[in-house]
């Protein structure tokens, strides 16, 4: 996958991240660790969007995606440890994590 393809795929992934982050902000029973990891993922995704808009260097884009995938892993781990979150929240985190993992693996 090349930079152009990542740029085309990223808006869909960003929607998943935004949905999970918004759910974590609006739900009262989300553990702080999960809320924090999703907030950081959302912030980094916003920065990645700027990088993708300007960057043509495939290595830089790969590094950016790798970092987002690590944050997605952290959010997924926090979700698993939470135990008592609702299914909608769990599915949103899994969807964002899955999309980031898929993107990362398509780059490597």
PDB file of N, CA and C in Angstrom:
ATOM      1  N   UNK A   1       0.852  -1.177   0.000  1.00  0.00           N
ATOM      2  CA  UNK A   1       0.000   0.000   0.000  1.00  0.00           C
ATOM      3  C   UNK A   1       0.889   1.228   0.000  1.00  0.00           C
ATOM      4  N   UNK A   2       0.487   2.208  -0.733  1.00  0.00           N
ATOM      5  CA  UNK A   2       1.274   3.429  -0.829  1.00  0.00           C
ATOM      6  C   UNK A   2       0.577   4.571  -0.108  1.00  0.00           C
ATOM      7  N   UNK A   3       1.307   5.682  -0.018  1.00  0.00           N
ATOM      8  CA  UNK A   3       0.806   6.853   0.707  1.00  0.00           C
ATOM      9  C   UNK A   3      -0.574   7.281   0.215  1.00  0.00           C
ATOM     10  N   UNK A   4      -0.775   7.260  -1.065  1.00  0.00           N
ATOM     11  CA  UNK A   4      -2.057   7.681  -1.631  1.00  0.00           C
ATOM     12  C   UNK A   4      -3.191   6.796  -1.111  1.00  0.00           C
ATOM     13  N   UNK A   5      -2.943   5.503  -1.042  1.00  0.00           N
ATOM     14  CA  UNK A   5      -3.969   4.580  -0.571  1.00  0.00           C
ATOM     15  C   UNK A   5      -4.266   4.783   0.921  1.00  0.00           C
ATOM     16  N   UNK A   6      -3.229   5.060   1.700  1.00  0.00           N
ATOM     17  CA  UNK A   6      -3.433   5.339   3.125  1.00  0.00           C
ATOM     18  C   UNK A   6      -4.297   6.587   3.272  1.00  0.00           C
ATOM     19  N   UNK A   7      -3.987   7.587   2.493  1.00  0.00           N
ATOM     20  CA  UNK A   7      -4.752   8.837   2.555  1.00  0.00           C
ATOM     21  C   UNK A   7      -6.215   8.609   2.200  1.00  0.00           C
ATOM     22  N   UNK A   8      -6.473   7.698   1.271  1.00  0.00           N
ATOM     23  CA  UNK A   8      -7.847   7.403   0.870  1.00  0.00           C
ATOM     24  C   UNK A   8      -8.581   6.607   1.952  1.00  0.00           C
ATOM     25  N   UNK A   9      -7.865   5.745   2.637  1.00  0.00           N
ATOM     26  CA  UNK A   9      -8.457   4.870   3.649  1.00  0.00           C
ATOM     27  C   UNK A   9      -8.639   5.562   5.002  1.00  0.00           C
ATOM     28  N   UNK A  10      -7.836   6.563   5.281  1.00  0.00           N
ATOM     29  CA  UNK A  10      -7.796   7.147   6.612  1.00  0.00           C
ATOM     30  C   UNK A  10      -9.110   7.786   7.075  1.00  0.00           C
ATOM     31  N   UNK A  11      -9.876   8.469   6.241  1.00  0.00           N
ATOM     32  CA  UNK A  11     -11.130   9.061   6.728  1.00  0.00           C
ATOM     33  C   UNK A  11     -12.088   8.036   7.342  1.00  0.00           C
ATOM     34  N   UNK A  12     -12.150   6.835   6.783  1.00  0.00           N
ATOM     35  CA  UNK A  12     -13.005   5.779   7.338  1.00  0.00           C
ATOM     36  C   UNK A  12     -12.499   5.381   8.729  1.00  0.00           C
ATOM     37  N   UNK A  13     -11.199   5.222   8.852  1.00  0.00           N
ATOM     38  CA  UNK A  13     -10.609   4.842  10.130  1.00  0.00           C
ATOM     39  C   UNK A  13     -10.820   5.951  11.159  1.00  0.00           C
ATOM     40  N   UNK A  14     -10.663   7.170  10.719  1.00  0.00           N
ATOM     41  CA  UNK A  14     -10.864   8.313  11.618  1.00  0.00           C
ATOM     42  C   UNK A  14     -12.297   8.347  12.156  1.00  0.00           C
ATOM     43  N   UNK A  15     -13.260   7.964  11.340  1.00  0.00           N
ATOM     44  CA  UNK A  15     -14.652   7.903  11.804  1.00  0.00           C
ATOM     45  C   UNK A  15     -14.807   6.881  12.929  1.00  0.00           C
ATOM     46  N   UNK A  16     -14.164   5.741  12.786  1.00  0.00           N
ATOM     47  CA  UNK A  16     -14.220   4.715  13.830  1.00  0.00           C
ATOM     48  C   UNK A  16     -13.608   5.230  15.130  1.00  0.00           C
ATOM     49  N   UNK A  17     -12.465   5.880  15.004  1.00  0.00           N
ATOM     50  CA  UNK A  17     -11.784   6.428  16.185  1.00  0.00           C
ATOM     51  C   UNK A  17     -12.660   7.484  16.851  1.00  0.00           C
ATOM     52  N   UNK A  18     -13.207   8.388  16.053  1.00  0.00           N
ATOM     53  CA  UNK A  18     -14.058   9.453  16.591  1.00  0.00           C
ATOM     54  C   UNK A  18     -15.293   8.886  17.289  1.00  0.00           C
ATOM     55  N   UNK A  19     -15.892   7.853  16.700  1.00  0.00           N
ATOM     56  CA  UNK A  19     -17.077   7.248  17.301  1.00  0.00           C
ATOM     57  C   UNK A  19     -16.742   6.657  18.671  1.00  0.00           C
ATOM     58  N   UNK A  20     -15.640   5.923  18.749  1.00  0.00           N
ATOM     59  CA  UNK A  20     -15.242   5.319  20.026  1.00  0.00           C
ATOM     60  C   UNK A  20     -14.937   6.403  21.058  1.00  0.00           C
ATOM     61  N   UNK A  21     -14.236   7.440  20.640  1.00  0.00           N
ATOM     62  CA  UNK A  21     -13.888   8.521  21.569  1.00  0.00           C
ATOM     63  C   UNK A  21     -15.139   9.249  22.049  1.00  0.00           C
ATOM     64  N   UNK A  22     -16.075   9.518  21.159  1.00  0.00           N
ATOM     65  CA  UNK A  22     -17.307  10.198  21.548  1.00  0.00           C
ATOM     66  C   UNK A  22     -18.139   9.350  22.509  1.00  0.00           C
ATOM     67  N   UNK A  23     -18.212   8.063  22.247  1.00  0.00           N
ATOM     68  CA  UNK A  23     -18.935   7.176  23.160  1.00  0.00           C
ATOM     69  C   UNK A  23     -18.301   7.173  24.547  1.00  0.00           C
ATOM     70  N   UNK A  24     -16.975   7.201  24.570  1.00  0.00           N
ATOM     71  CA  UNK A  24     -16.298   7.185  25.873  1.00  0.00           C
ATOM     72  C   UNK A  24     -16.554   8.475  26.648  1.00  0.00           C
ATOM     73  N   UNK A  25     -16.744   9.570  25.939  1.00  0.00           N
ATOM     74  CA  UNK A  25     -17.005  10.848  26.593  1.00  0.00           C
ATOM     75  C   UNK A  25     -18.451  10.947  27.084  1.00  0.00           C
ATOM     76  N   UNK A  26     -19.360  10.277  26.383  1.00  0.00           N
ATOM     77  CA  UNK A  26     -20.775  10.415  26.733  1.00  0.00           C
ATOM     78  C   UNK A  26     -21.276   9.337  27.696  1.00  0.00           C
ATOM     79  N   UNK A  27     -20.489   8.312  27.907  1.00  0.00           N
ATOM     80  CA  UNK A  27     -20.898   7.229  28.802  1.00  0.00           C
ATOM     81  C   UNK A  27     -20.309   7.442  30.192  1.00  0.00           C
ATOM     82  N   UNK A  28     -21.092   7.136  31.183  1.00  0.00           N
ATOM     83  CA  UNK A  28     -20.630   7.369  32.559  1.00  0.00           C
ATOM     84  C   UNK A  28     -19.838   6.203  33.133  1.00  0.00           C
ATOM     85  N   UNK A  29     -19.960   5.016  32.537  1.00  0.00           N
ATOM     86  CA  UNK A  29     -19.295   3.853  33.131  1.00  0.00           C
ATOM     87  C   UNK A  29     -18.043   3.410  32.355  1.00  0.00           C
ATOM     88  N   UNK A  30     -17.347   4.354  31.752  1.00  0.00           N
ATOM     89  CA  UNK A  30     -16.114   4.037  31.034  1.00  0.00           C
ATOM     90  C   UNK A  30     -14.938   4.303  31.975  1.00  0.00           C
ATOM     91  N   UNK A  31     -14.111   3.297  32.190  1.00  0.00           N
ATOM     92  CA  UNK A  31     -12.950   3.483  33.069  1.00  0.00           C
ATOM     93  C   UNK A  31     -12.018   4.579  32.551  1.00  0.00           C
ATOM     94  N   UNK A  32     -11.356   5.261  33.473  1.00  0.00           N
ATOM     95  CA  UNK A  32     -10.467   6.362  33.109  1.00  0.00           C
ATOM     96  C   UNK A  32      -9.381   5.933  32.123  1.00  0.00           C
ATOM     97  N   UNK A  33      -8.833   4.724  32.301  1.00  0.00           N
ATOM     98  CA  UNK A  33      -7.773   4.240  31.409  1.00  0.00           C
ATOM     99  C   UNK A  33      -8.263   4.151  29.963  1.00  0.00           C
ATOM    100  N   UNK A  34      -9.454   3.641  29.765  1.00  0.00           N
ATOM    101  CA  UNK A  34     -10.026   3.534  28.423  1.00  0.00           C
ATOM    102  C   UNK A  34     -10.343   4.914  27.864  1.00  0.00           C
ATOM    103  N   UNK A  35     -10.959   5.747  28.676  1.00  0.00           N
ATOM    104  CA  UNK A  35     -11.292   7.108  28.234  1.00  0.00           C
ATOM    105  C   UNK A  35     -10.023   7.867  27.834  1.00  0.00           C
ATOM    106  N   UNK A  36      -8.992   7.739  28.637  1.00  0.00           N
ATOM    107  CA  UNK A  36      -7.720   8.413  28.377  1.00  0.00           C
ATOM    108  C   UNK A  36      -7.063   7.892  27.100  1.00  0.00           C
ATOM    109  N   UNK A  37      -7.054   6.582  26.919  1.00  0.00           N
ATOM    110  CA  UNK A  37      -6.404   6.025  25.726  1.00  0.00           C
ATOM    111  C   UNK A  37      -7.157   6.407  24.453  1.00  0.00           C
ATOM    112  N   UNK A  38      -8.471   6.466  24.522  1.00  0.00           N
ATOM    113  CA  UNK A  38      -9.246   6.878  23.347  1.00  0.00           C
ATOM    114  C   UNK A  38      -9.088   8.367  23.059  1.00  0.00           C
ATOM    115  N   UNK A  39      -8.978   9.155  24.101  1.00  0.00           N
ATOM    116  CA  UNK A  39      -8.739  10.584  23.918  1.00  0.00           C
ATOM    117  C   UNK A  39      -7.391  10.821  23.241  1.00  0.00           C
ATOM    118  N   UNK A  40      -6.378  10.089  23.696  1.00  0.00           N
ATOM    119  CA  UNK A  40      -5.050  10.217  23.081  1.00  0.00           C
ATOM    120  C   UNK A  40      -5.075   9.728  21.636  1.00  0.00           C
ATOM    121  N   UNK A  41      -5.772   8.634  21.380  1.00  0.00           N
ATOM    122  CA  UNK A  41      -5.885   8.119  20.018  1.00  0.00           C
ATOM    123  C   UNK A  41      -6.577   9.136  19.110  1.00  0.00           C
ATOM    124  N   UNK A  42      -7.612   9.769  19.610  1.00  0.00           N
ATOM    125  CA  UNK A  42      -8.329  10.776  18.826  1.00  0.00           C
ATOM    126  C   UNK A  42      -7.421  11.972  18.511  1.00  0.00           C
ATOM    127  N   UNK A  43      -6.667  12.426  19.505  1.00  0.00           N
ATOM    128  CA  UNK A  43      -5.723  13.540  19.298  1.00  0.00           C
ATOM    129  C   UNK A  43      -4.664  13.189  18.261  1.00  0.00           C
ATOM    130  N   UNK A  44      -4.097  12.000  18.400  1.00  0.00           N
ATOM    131  CA  UNK A  44      -3.052  11.567  17.468  1.00  0.00           C
ATOM    132  C   UNK A  44      -3.607  11.355  16.061  1.00  0.00           C
ATOM    133  N   UNK A  45      -4.848  10.915  15.960  1.00  0.00           N
ATOM    134  CA  UNK A  45      -5.472  10.742  14.643  1.00  0.00           C
ATOM    135  C   UNK A  45      -5.645  12.100  13.965  1.00  0.00           C
ATOM    136  N   UNK A  46      -5.976  13.123  14.742  1.00  0.00           N
ATOM    137  CA  UNK A  46      -6.081  14.477  14.183  1.00  0.00           C
ATOM    138  C   UNK A  46      -4.726  14.943  13.663  1.00  0.00           C
ATOM    139  N   UNK A  47      -3.672  14.665  14.413  1.00  0.00           N
ATOM    140  CA  UNK A  47      -2.327  15.029  13.958  1.00  0.00           C
ATOM    141  C   UNK A  47      -1.948  14.220  12.721  1.00  0.00           C
ATOM    142  N   UNK A  48      -2.304  12.954  12.714  1.00  0.00           N
ATOM    143  CA  UNK A  48      -1.998  12.097  11.566  1.00  0.00           C
ATOM    144  C   UNK A  48      -2.691  12.620  10.301  1.00  0.00           C
ATOM    145  N   UNK A  49      -3.892  13.103  10.477  1.00  0.00           N
ATOM    146  CA  UNK A  49      -4.639  13.655   9.337  1.00  0.00           C
ATOM    147  C   UNK A  49      -3.854  14.807   8.701  1.00  0.00           C
ATOM    148  N   UNK A  50      -3.278  15.667   9.531  1.00  0.00           N
ATOM    149  CA  UNK A  50      -2.460  16.774   9.024  1.00  0.00           C
ATOM    150  C   UNK A  50      -1.207  16.265   8.339  1.00  0.00           C
ATOM    151  N   UNK A  51      -0.578  15.272   8.946  1.00  0.00           N
ATOM    152  CA  UNK A  51       0.641  14.702   8.363  1.00  0.00           C
ATOM    153  C   UNK A  51       0.325  14.076   7.006  1.00  0.00           C
ATOM    154  N   UNK A  52      -0.761  13.320   6.947  1.00  0.00           N
ATOM    155  CA  UNK A  52      -1.130  12.664   5.692  1.00  0.00           C
ATOM    156  C   UNK A  52      -1.462  13.671   4.596  1.00  0.00           C
ATOM    157  N   UNK A  53      -2.023  14.793   4.972  1.00  0.00           N
ATOM    158  CA  UNK A  53      -2.378  15.812   3.990  1.00  0.00           C
ATOM    159  C   UNK A  53      -1.143  16.441   3.351  1.00  0.00           C
ATOM    160  N   UNK A  54      -0.037  16.459   4.099  1.00  0.00           N
ATOM    161  CA  UNK A  54       1.166  17.145   3.623  1.00  0.00           C
ATOM    162  C   UNK A  54       2.271  16.195   3.169  1.00  0.00           C
ATOM    163  N   UNK A  55       2.292  15.012   3.736  1.00  0.00           N
ATOM    164  CA  UNK A  55       3.441  14.123   3.597  1.00  0.00           C
ATOM    165  C   UNK A  55       3.371  13.267   2.336  1.00  0.00           C
ATOM    166  N   UNK A  56       4.503  13.142   1.684  1.00  0.00           N
ATOM    167  CA  UNK A  56       4.628  12.250   0.536  1.00  0.00           C
ATOM    168  C   UNK A  56       5.596  11.107   0.828  1.00  0.00           C
ATOM    169  N   UNK A  57       6.297  11.206   1.935  1.00  0.00           N
ATOM    170  CA  UNK A  57       7.300  10.226   2.324  1.00  0.00           C
ATOM    171  C   UNK A  57       6.616   8.992   2.922  1.00  0.00           C
ATOM    172  N   UNK A  58       6.714   7.872   2.227  1.00  0.00           N
ATOM    173  CA  UNK A  58       6.047   6.649   2.694  1.00  0.00           C
ATOM    174  C   UNK A  58       6.535   6.202   4.067  1.00  0.00           C
ATOM    175  N   UNK A  59       7.824   6.373   4.358  1.00  0.00           N
ATOM    176  CA  UNK A  59       8.358   5.955   5.656  1.00  0.00           C
ATOM    177  C   UNK A  59       7.717   6.748   6.789  1.00  0.00           C
ATOM    178  N   UNK A  60       7.548   8.025   6.595  1.00  0.00           N
ATOM    179  CA  UNK A  60       6.921   8.879   7.615  1.00  0.00           C
ATOM    180  C   UNK A  60       5.471   8.471   7.838  1.00  0.00           C
ATOM    181  N   UNK A  61       4.781   8.146   6.776  1.00  0.00           N
ATOM    182  CA  UNK A  61       3.386   7.727   6.873  1.00  0.00           C
ATOM    183  C   UNK A  61       3.285   6.374   7.583  1.00  0.00           C
ATOM    184  N   UNK A  62       4.195   5.463   7.272  1.00  0.00           N
ATOM    185  CA  UNK A  62       4.218   4.163   7.943  1.00  0.00           C
ATOM    186  C   UNK A  62       4.451   4.348   9.444  1.00  0.00           C
ATOM    187  N   UNK A  63       5.379   5.215   9.810  1.00  0.00           N
ATOM    188  CA  UNK A  63       5.641   5.489  11.225  1.00  0.00           C
ATOM    189  C   UNK A  63       4.395   6.028  11.922  1.00  0.00           C
ATOM    190  N   UNK A  64       3.705   6.898  11.245  1.00  0.00           N
ATOM    191  CA  UNK A  64       2.485   7.494  11.792  1.00  0.00           C
ATOM    192  C   UNK A  64       1.421   6.413  12.019  1.00  0.00           C
ATOM    193  N   UNK A  65       1.224   5.558  11.047  1.00  0.00           N
ATOM    194  CA  UNK A  65       0.239   4.478  11.164  1.00  0.00           C
ATOM    195  C   UNK A  65       0.645   3.506  12.267  1.00  0.00           C
ATOM    196  N   UNK A  66       1.930   3.186  12.346  1.00  0.00           N
ATOM    197  CA  UNK A  66       2.420   2.289  13.398  1.00  0.00           C
ATOM    198  C   UNK A  66       2.102   2.849  14.784  1.00  0.00           C
ATOM    199  N   UNK A  67       2.315   4.141  14.945  1.00  0.00           N
ATOM    200  CA  UNK A  67       2.046   4.784  16.235  1.00  0.00           C
ATOM    201  C   UNK A  67       0.550   4.729  16.566  1.00  0.00           C
ATOM    202  N   UNK A  68      -0.286   5.001  15.592  1.00  0.00           N
ATOM    203  CA  UNK A  68      -1.732   4.942  15.820  1.00  0.00           C
ATOM    204  C   UNK A  68      -2.167   3.523  16.184  1.00  0.00           C
ATOM    205  N   UNK A  69      -1.565   2.543  15.542  1.00  0.00           N
ATOM    206  CA  UNK A  69      -1.922   1.158  15.827  1.00  0.00           C
ATOM    207  C   UNK A  69      -1.521   0.781  17.244  1.00  0.00           C
ATOM    208  N   UNK A  70      -0.386   1.280  17.714  1.00  0.00           N
ATOM    209  CA  UNK A  70       0.029   1.045  19.102  1.00  0.00           C
ATOM    210  C   UNK A  70      -0.984   1.649  20.080  1.00  0.00           C
ATOM    211  N   UNK A  71      -1.451   2.850  19.767  1.00  0.00           N
ATOM    212  CA  UNK A  71      -2.467   3.483  20.613  1.00  0.00           C
ATOM    213  C   UNK A  71      -3.783   2.696  20.565  1.00  0.00           C
ATOM    214  N   UNK A  72      -4.101   2.173  19.399  1.00  0.00           N
ATOM    215  CA  UNK A  72      -5.283   1.327  19.266  1.00  0.00           C
ATOM    216  C   UNK A  72      -5.155   0.063  20.104  1.00  0.00           C
ATOM    217  N   UNK A  73      -3.954  -0.515  20.123  1.00  0.00           N
ATOM    218  CA  UNK A  73      -3.701  -1.685  20.971  1.00  0.00           C
ATOM    219  C   UNK A  73      -3.928  -1.348  22.441  1.00  0.00           C
ATOM    220  N   UNK A  74      -3.441  -0.180  22.846  1.00  0.00           N
ATOM    221  CA  UNK A  74      -3.596   0.250  24.231  1.00  0.00           C
ATOM    222  C   UNK A  74      -5.085   0.419  24.583  1.00  0.00           C
ATOM    223  N   UNK A  75      -5.846   1.019  23.669  1.00  0.00           N
ATOM    224  CA  UNK A  75      -7.282   1.190  23.901  1.00  0.00           C
ATOM    225  C   UNK A  75      -7.981  -0.170  23.971  1.00  0.00           C
ATOM    226  N   UNK A  76      -7.586  -1.082  23.106  1.00  0.00           N
ATOM    227  CA  UNK A  76      -8.190  -2.411  23.101  1.00  0.00           C
ATOM    228  C   UNK A  76      -7.885  -3.149  24.401  1.00  0.00           C
ATOM    229  N   UNK A  77      -6.670  -3.022  24.880  1.00  0.00           N
ATOM    230  CA  UNK A  77      -6.288  -3.654  26.132  1.00  0.00           C
ATOM    231  C   UNK A  77      -7.092  -3.066  27.301  1.00  0.00           C
ATOM    232  N   UNK A  78      -7.242  -1.753  27.318  1.00  0.00           N
ATOM    233  CA  UNK A  78      -8.031  -1.098  28.367  1.00  0.00           C
ATOM    234  C   UNK A  78      -9.485  -1.546  28.301  1.00  0.00           C
ATOM    235  N   UNK A  79      -9.976  -1.750  27.108  1.00  0.00           N
ATOM    236  CA  UNK A  79     -11.352  -2.214  26.917  1.00  0.00           C
ATOM    237  C   UNK A  79     -11.514  -3.628  27.474  1.00  0.00           C
ATOM    238  N   UNK A  80     -10.557  -4.487  27.208  1.00  0.00           N
ATOM    239  CA  UNK A  80     -10.618  -5.861  27.711  1.00  0.00           C
ATOM    240  C   UNK A  80     -10.553  -5.892  29.238  1.00  0.00           C
ATOM    241  N   UNK A  81      -9.747  -5.015  29.808  1.00  0.00           N
ATOM    242  CA  UNK A  81      -9.605  -4.982  31.256  1.00  0.00           C
ATOM    243  C   UNK A  81     -10.813  -4.363  31.952  1.00  0.00           C
ATOM    244  N   UNK A  82     -11.565  -3.553  31.218  1.00  0.00           N
ATOM    245  CA  UNK A  82     -12.705  -2.851  31.809  1.00  0.00           C
ATOM    246  C   UNK A  82     -13.787  -3.813  32.284  1.00  0.00           C
ATOM    247  N   UNK A  83     -14.070  -4.805  31.487  1.00  0.00           N
ATOM    248  CA  UNK A  83     -15.035  -5.806  31.905  1.00  0.00           C
ATOM    249  C   UNK A  83     -16.496  -5.418  31.777  1.00  0.00           C
ATOM    250  N   UNK A  84     -16.913  -4.328  32.377  1.00  0.00           N
ATOM    251  CA  UNK A  84     -18.347  -4.023  32.444  1.00  0.00           C
ATOM    252  C   UNK A  84     -18.769  -2.836  31.582  1.00  0.00           C
ATOM    253  N   UNK A  85     -18.178  -2.673  30.428  1.00  0.00           N
ATOM    254  CA  UNK A  85     -18.639  -1.602  29.535  1.00  0.00           C
ATOM    255  C   UNK A  85     -19.699  -2.154  28.589  1.00  0.00           C
ATOM    256  N   UNK A  86     -20.521  -1.275  28.053  1.00  0.00           N
ATOM    257  CA  UNK A  86     -21.607  -1.744  27.200  1.00  0.00           C
ATOM    258  C   UNK A  86     -21.091  -2.231  25.844  1.00  0.00           C
ATOM    259  N   UNK A  87     -21.931  -3.003  25.172  1.00  0.00           N
ATOM    260  CA  UNK A  87     -21.537  -3.623  23.902  1.00  0.00           C
ATOM    261  C   UNK A  87     -21.228  -2.596  22.823  1.00  0.00           C
ATOM    262  N   UNK A  88     -21.967  -1.500  22.800  1.00  0.00           N
ATOM    263  CA  UNK A  88     -21.736  -0.466  21.789  1.00  0.00           C
ATOM    264  C   UNK A  88     -20.329   0.121  21.931  1.00  0.00           C
ATOM    265  N   UNK A  89     -19.916   0.369  23.165  1.00  0.00           N
ATOM    266  CA  UNK A  89     -18.581   0.903  23.428  1.00  0.00           C
ATOM    267  C   UNK A  89     -17.523  -0.132  23.024  1.00  0.00           C
ATOM    268  N   UNK A  90     -17.719  -1.355  23.421  1.00  0.00           N
ATOM    269  CA  UNK A  90     -16.774  -2.425  23.103  1.00  0.00           C
ATOM    270  C   UNK A  90     -16.631  -2.593  21.588  1.00  0.00           C
ATOM    271  N   UNK A  91     -17.749  -2.592  20.885  1.00  0.00           N
ATOM    272  CA  UNK A  91     -17.725  -2.752  19.430  1.00  0.00           C
ATOM    273  C   UNK A  91     -17.020  -1.579  18.743  1.00  0.00           C
ATOM    274  N   UNK A  92     -17.235  -0.377  19.245  1.00  0.00           N
ATOM    275  CA  UNK A  92     -16.598   0.802  18.659  1.00  0.00           C
ATOM    276  C   UNK A  92     -15.075   0.723  18.813  1.00  0.00           C
ATOM    277  N   UNK A  93     -14.628   0.307  19.987  1.00  0.00           N
ATOM    278  CA  UNK A  93     -13.182   0.169  20.219  1.00  0.00           C
ATOM    279  C   UNK A  93     -12.619  -0.936  19.331  1.00  0.00           C
ATOM    280  N   UNK A  94     -13.306  -2.052  19.245  1.00  0.00           N
ATOM    281  CA  UNK A  94     -12.849  -3.163  18.409  1.00  0.00           C
ATOM    282  C   UNK A  94     -12.795  -2.767  16.942  1.00  0.00           C
ATOM    283  N   UNK A  95     -13.757  -2.006  16.497  1.00  0.00           N
ATOM    284  CA  UNK A  95     -13.800  -1.575  15.101  1.00  0.00           C
ATOM    285  C   UNK A  95     -12.631  -0.644  14.787  1.00  0.00           C
ATOM    286  N   UNK A  96     -12.378   0.317  15.657  1.00  0.00           N
ATOM    287  CA  UNK A  96     -11.258   1.246  15.454  1.00  0.00           C
ATOM    288  C   UNK A  96      -9.930   0.482  15.491  1.00  0.00           C
ATOM    289  N   UNK A  97      -9.782  -0.377  16.475  1.00  0.00           N
ATOM    290  CA  UNK A  97      -8.557  -1.167  16.612  1.00  0.00           C
ATOM    291  C   UNK A  97      -8.346  -2.059  15.386  1.00  0.00           C
ATOM    292  N   UNK A  98      -9.397  -2.730  14.957  1.00  0.00           N
ATOM    293  CA  UNK A  98      -9.300  -3.617  13.797  1.00  0.00           C
ATOM    294  C   UNK A  98      -8.913  -2.881  12.527  1.00  0.00           C
ATOM    295  N   UNK A  99      -9.503  -1.722  12.321  1.00  0.00           N
ATOM    296  CA  UNK A  99      -9.191  -0.933  11.124  1.00  0.00           C
ATOM    297  C   UNK A  99      -7.738  -0.461  11.140  1.00  0.00           C
ATOM    298  N   UNK A 100      -7.257  -0.034  12.309  1.00  0.00           N
ATOM    299  CA  UNK A 100      -5.860   0.398  12.421  1.00  0.00           C
ATOM    300  C   UNK A 100      -4.906  -0.772  12.217  1.00  0.00           C
ATOM    301  N   UNK A 101      -5.223  -1.915  12.775  1.00  0.00           N
ATOM    302  CA  UNK A 101      -4.376  -3.099  12.612  1.00  0.00           C
ATOM    303  C   UNK A 101      -4.326  -3.532  11.152  1.00  0.00           C
ATOM    304  N   UNK A 102      -5.474  -3.514  10.511  1.00  0.00           N
ATOM    305  CA  UNK A 102      -5.546  -3.889   9.096  1.00  0.00           C
ATOM    306  C   UNK A 102      -4.699  -2.943   8.243  1.00  0.00           C
ATOM    307  N   UNK A 103      -4.798  -1.655   8.517  1.00  0.00           N
ATOM    308  CA  UNK A 103      -4.021  -0.673   7.772  1.00  0.00           C
ATOM    309  C   UNK A 103      -2.525  -0.888   7.995  1.00  0.00           C
ATOM    310  N   UNK A 104      -2.141  -1.104   9.234  1.00  0.00           N
ATOM    311  CA  UNK A 104      -0.728  -1.335   9.543  1.00  0.00           C
ATOM    312  C   UNK A 104      -0.205  -2.561   8.810  1.00  0.00           C
ATOM    313  N   UNK A 105      -0.960  -3.646   8.864  1.00  0.00           N
ATOM    314  CA  UNK A 105      -0.504  -4.887   8.223  1.00  0.00           C
ATOM    315  C   UNK A 105      -0.463  -4.761   6.709  1.00  0.00           C
ATOM    316  N   UNK A 106      -1.282  -3.929   6.143  1.00  0.00           N
ATOM    317  CA  UNK A 106      -1.232  -3.737   4.692  1.00  0.00           C
ATOM    318  C   UNK A 106      -0.008  -2.923   4.266  1.00  0.00           C
ATOM    319  N   UNK A 107       0.579  -2.208   5.229  1.00  0.00           N
ATOM    320  CA  UNK A 107       1.778  -1.417   4.933  1.00  0.00           C
ATOM    321  C   UNK A 107       3.073  -2.206   5.107  1.00  0.00           C
ATOM    322  N   UNK A 108       2.999  -3.317   5.825  1.00  0.00           N
ATOM    323  CA  UNK A 108       4.222  -4.084   6.125  1.00  0.00           C
ATOM    324  C   UNK A 108       4.288  -5.391   5.369  1.00  0.00           C
TER     325      UNK A 108
END
